[in-house]
C-alpha atoms as a PDB file:
ATOM      1  CA  GLN A   1     172.856  37.376  68.191  1.00  0.00           C
ATOM      2  CA  VAL A   2     176.275  39.007  68.013  1.00  0.00           C
ATOM      3  CA  GLN A   3     176.325  42.515  69.395  1.00  0.00           C
ATOM      4  CA  LEU A   4     178.998  44.900  68.145  1.00  0.00           C
ATOM      5  CA  VAL A   5     179.862  48.257  69.658  1.00  0.00           C
ATOM      6  CA  GLU A   6     182.017  50.725  67.741  1.00  0.00           C
ATOM      7  CA  SER A   7     183.884  53.605  69.281  1.00  0.00           C
ATOM      8  CA  GLY A   8     186.506  56.179  68.410  1.00  0.00           C
ATOM      9  CA  GLY A   9     184.831  58.257  65.741  1.00  0.00           C
ATOM     10  CA  ARG A  10     185.221  62.022  65.974  1.00  0.00           C
ATOM     11  CA  LEU A  11     186.096  65.190  64.104  1.00  0.00           C
ATOM     12  CA  VAL A  12     189.686  65.275  62.850  1.00  0.00           C
ATOM     13  CA  GLN A  13     191.716  67.451  60.514  1.00  0.00           C
ATOM     14  CA  PRO A  14     193.042  66.394  57.104  1.00  0.00           C
ATOM     15  CA  GLY A  15     196.225  64.406  57.486  1.00  0.00           C
ATOM     16  CA  ASP A  16     195.359  63.185  60.975  1.00  0.00           C
ATOM     17  CA  SER A  17     195.231  59.598  62.140  1.00  0.00           C
ATOM     18  CA  LEU A  18     192.426  57.897  64.004  1.00  0.00           C
ATOM     19  CA  ARG A  19     191.787  54.432  65.418  1.00  0.00           C
ATOM     20  CA  LEU A  20     188.329  52.934  65.621  1.00  0.00           C
ATOM     21  CA  SER A  21     187.478  50.010  67.862  1.00  0.00           C
ATOM     22  CA  CYS A  22     184.719  47.446  67.700  1.00  0.00           C
ATOM     23  CA  ALA A  23     184.118  45.293  70.748  1.00  0.00           C
ATOM     24  CA  THR A  24     181.870  42.344  71.400  1.00  0.00           C
ATOM     25  CA  SER A  25     181.150  39.916  74.187  1.00  0.00           C
ATOM     26  CA  GLU A  26     180.555  37.120  71.692  1.00  0.00           C
ATOM     27  CA  PRO A  27     182.471  34.062  72.958  1.00  0.00           C
ATOM     28  CA  THR A  28     182.974  32.742  69.422  1.00  0.00           C
ATOM     29  CA  PHE A  29     184.620  35.977  68.275  1.00  0.00           C
ATOM     30  CA  SER A  30     187.772  34.189  67.165  1.00  0.00           C
ATOM     31  CA  ASN A  31     185.682  32.211  64.674  1.00  0.00           C
ATOM     32  CA  LEU A  32     184.152  35.276  63.065  1.00  0.00           C
ATOM     33  CA  ALA A  33     185.281  37.176  60.025  1.00  0.00           C
ATOM     34  CA  MET A  34     185.195  40.889  60.784  1.00  0.00           C
ATOM     35  CA  ALA A  35     185.090  43.956  58.590  1.00  0.00           C
ATOM     36  CA  TRP A  36     184.621  47.681  58.489  1.00  0.00           C
ATOM     37  CA  PHE A  37     182.252  49.358  56.080  1.00  0.00           C
ATOM     38  CA  ARG A  38     181.540  53.026  55.707  1.00  0.00           C
ATOM     39  CA  GLN A  39     178.692  55.082  54.371  1.00  0.00           C
ATOM     40  CA  ALA A  40     178.984  58.708  53.343  1.00  0.00           C
ATOM     41  CA  PRO A  41     175.900  60.936  52.936  1.00  0.00           C
ATOM     42  CA  GLY A  42     174.049  60.085  49.764  1.00  0.00           C
ATOM     43  CA  LYS A  43     176.255  57.109  48.989  1.00  0.00           C
ATOM     44  CA  GLU A  44     175.952  53.373  49.362  1.00  0.00           C
ATOM     45  CA  ARG A  45     177.642  51.512  52.155  1.00  0.00           C
ATOM     46  CA  GLU A  46     181.073  50.386  50.983  1.00  0.00           C
ATOM     47  CA  PHE A  47     183.586  47.815  52.124  1.00  0.00           C
ATOM     48  CA  VAL A  48     186.692  49.297  53.742  1.00  0.00           C
ATOM     49  CA  LEU A  49     188.744  46.448  55.177  1.00  0.00           C
ATOM     50  CA  GLY A  50     188.171  42.916  56.357  1.00  0.00           C
ATOM     51  CA  ILE A  51     190.004  40.360  58.446  1.00  0.00           C
ATOM     52  CA  SER A  52     189.388  36.652  58.467  1.00  0.00           C
ATOM     53  CA  GLU A  53     189.299  34.410  61.520  1.00  0.00           C
ATOM     54  CA  SER A  54     192.847  33.367  60.665  1.00  0.00           C
ATOM     55  CA  GLY A  55     194.022  36.978  60.499  1.00  0.00           C
ATOM     56  CA  SER A  56     194.256  37.424  56.735  1.00  0.00           C
ATOM     57  CA  THR A  57     193.376  40.970  55.751  1.00  0.00           C
ATOM     58  CA  TYR A  58     191.470  42.316  52.760  1.00  0.00           C
ATOM     59  CA  PHE A  59     191.467  45.913  51.608  1.00  0.00           C
ATOM     60  CA  THR A  60     190.317  48.149  48.780  1.00  0.00           C
ATOM     61  CA  THR A  61     192.265  50.363  46.433  1.00  0.00           C
ATOM     62  CA  ALA A  62     190.932  53.447  48.199  1.00  0.00           C
ATOM     63  CA  THR A  63     192.310  52.451  51.578  1.00  0.00           C
ATOM     64  CA  LYS A  64     195.391  50.430  50.703  1.00  0.00           C
ATOM     65  CA  GLY A  65     198.457  51.815  52.430  1.00  0.00           C
ATOM     66  CA  ARG A  66     196.470  54.234  54.612  1.00  0.00           C
ATOM     67  CA  PHE A  67     194.148  51.992  56.604  1.00  0.00           C
ATOM     68  CA  THR A  68     194.888  48.784  58.444  1.00  0.00           C
ATOM     69  CA  ILE A  69     192.676  46.327  60.270  1.00  0.00           C
ATOM     70  CA  SER A  70     193.662  44.138  63.165  1.00  0.00           C
ATOM     71  CA  ARG A  71     192.000  41.962  65.752  1.00  0.00           C
ATOM     72  CA  ASP A  72     192.655  40.991  69.330  1.00  0.00           C
ATOM     73  CA  ASN A  73     190.838  37.753  70.003  1.00  0.00           C
ATOM     74  CA  ARG A  74     191.616  37.894  73.689  1.00  0.00           C
ATOM     75  CA  LYS A  75     189.899  41.265  73.965  1.00  0.00           C
ATOM     76  CA  ARG A  76     187.258  40.334  71.379  1.00  0.00           C
ATOM     77  CA  THR A  77     187.966  43.566  69.606  1.00  0.00           C
ATOM     78  CA  VAL A  78     188.732  44.580  66.032  1.00  0.00           C
ATOM     79  CA  TYR A  79     190.502  47.814  65.186  1.00  0.00           C
ATOM     80  CA  LEU A  80     190.624  50.115  62.195  1.00  0.00           C
ATOM     81  CA  GLN A  81     193.729  52.288  62.070  1.00  0.00           C
ATOM     82  CA  MET A  82     193.290  55.176  59.655  1.00  0.00           C
ATOM     83  CA  ASN A  83     196.164  57.402  58.595  1.00  0.00           C
ATOM     84  CA  SER A  84     196.449  60.409  56.302  1.00  0.00           C
ATOM     85  CA  LEU A  85     192.741  61.061  56.528  1.00  0.00           C
ATOM     86  CA  ASN A  86     191.110  63.310  53.971  1.00  0.00           C
ATOM     87  CA  ALA A  87     187.650  64.758  53.443  1.00  0.00           C
ATOM     88  CA  GLU A  88     186.626  61.808  51.278  1.00  0.00           C
ATOM     89  CA  ASP A  89     186.990  59.564  54.335  1.00  0.00           C
ATOM     90  CA  THR A  90     184.151  61.375  56.077  1.00  0.00           C
ATOM     91  CA  ALA A  91     181.447  58.799  56.747  1.00  0.00           C
ATOM     92  CA  VAL A  92     179.715  56.677  59.314  1.00  0.00           C
ATOM     93  CA  TYR A  93     181.937  53.652  59.908  1.00  0.00           C
ATOM     94  CA  TYR A  94     180.280  50.344  60.688  1.00  0.00           C
ATOM     95  CA  CYS A  95     181.734  47.208  62.185  1.00  0.00           C
ATOM     96  CA  THR A  96     180.313  43.941  60.956  1.00  0.00           C
ATOM     97  CA  ALA A  97     180.752  40.220  61.480  1.00  0.00           C
ATOM     98  CA  ARG A  98     179.898  36.974  59.740  1.00  0.00           C
ATOM     99  CA  ARG A  99     180.610  33.299  59.926  1.00  0.00           C
ATOM    100  CA  GLY A 100     182.519  32.438  56.782  1.00  0.00           C
ATOM    101  CA  PRO A 101     185.021  34.168  54.543  1.00  0.00           C
ATOM    102  CA  VAL A 102     185.453  37.905  54.144  1.00  0.00           C
ATOM    103  CA  VAL A 103     183.281  39.245  51.333  1.00  0.00           C
ATOM    104  CA  GLU A 104     182.776  42.755  50.008  1.00  0.00           C
ATOM    105  CA  SER A 105     179.009  42.620  49.695  1.00  0.00           C
ATOM    106  CA  SER A 106     177.353  44.249  52.683  1.00  0.00           C
ATOM    107  CA  ALA A 107     174.260  42.082  52.164  1.00  0.00           C
ATOM    108  CA  ARG A 108     176.234  38.975  53.117  1.00  0.00           C
ATOM    109  CA  TRP A 109     177.297  40.211  56.526  1.00  0.00           C
ATOM    110  CA  ASP A 110     175.145  39.066  59.400  1.00  0.00           C
ATOM    111  CA  TYR A 111     175.786  41.346  62.356  1.00  0.00           C
ATOM    112  CA  TRP A 112     176.245  45.106  62.445  1.00  0.00           C
ATOM    113  CA  GLY A 113     177.169  47.727  64.979  1.00  0.00           C
ATOM    114  CA  GLN A 114     175.369  51.045  65.286  1.00  0.00           C
ATOM    115  CA  GLY A 115     178.114  52.965  63.521  1.00  0.00           C
ATOM    116  CA  THR A 116     180.493  55.713  64.549  1.00  0.00           C
ATOM    117  CA  GLN A 117     180.839  59.060  62.786  1.00  0.00           C
ATOM    118  CA  VAL A 118     184.193  60.114  61.390  1.00  0.00           C
ATOM    119  CA  THR A 119     184.394  63.648  60.059  1.00  0.00           C
ATOM    120  CA  VAL A 120     187.511  64.984  58.379  1.00  0.00           C
ATOM    121  CA  SER A 121     187.455  68.730  58.092  1.00  0.00           C
ATOM    122  CA  SER A 122     189.685  71.711  58.644  1.00  0.00           C
END
């Protein structure tokens, strides 16, 4: 069982930047695809960004150019850098992992963190 722990979520103002972290003690971390999903109130969980075990990144139209994902295999941590935040980015952000390629369907991801709340409000 891969345990994931997110951190970094908080209340920010529109236009601010924020970095989320997701750490694990899983020794095979470097062989895992990682991703961030988010879920806003009343909405389905949606794919934000993913990064393969080789470091290739995958993004959506909504986050392209504003959000980036990176990983540090030595620290067993994946990061989500979010810039130019707006109210529509308000959501619980989840870190997830799977063995295999990055996919956008949440149902195909195997391990999930508990989530971290990001609120964008003035």
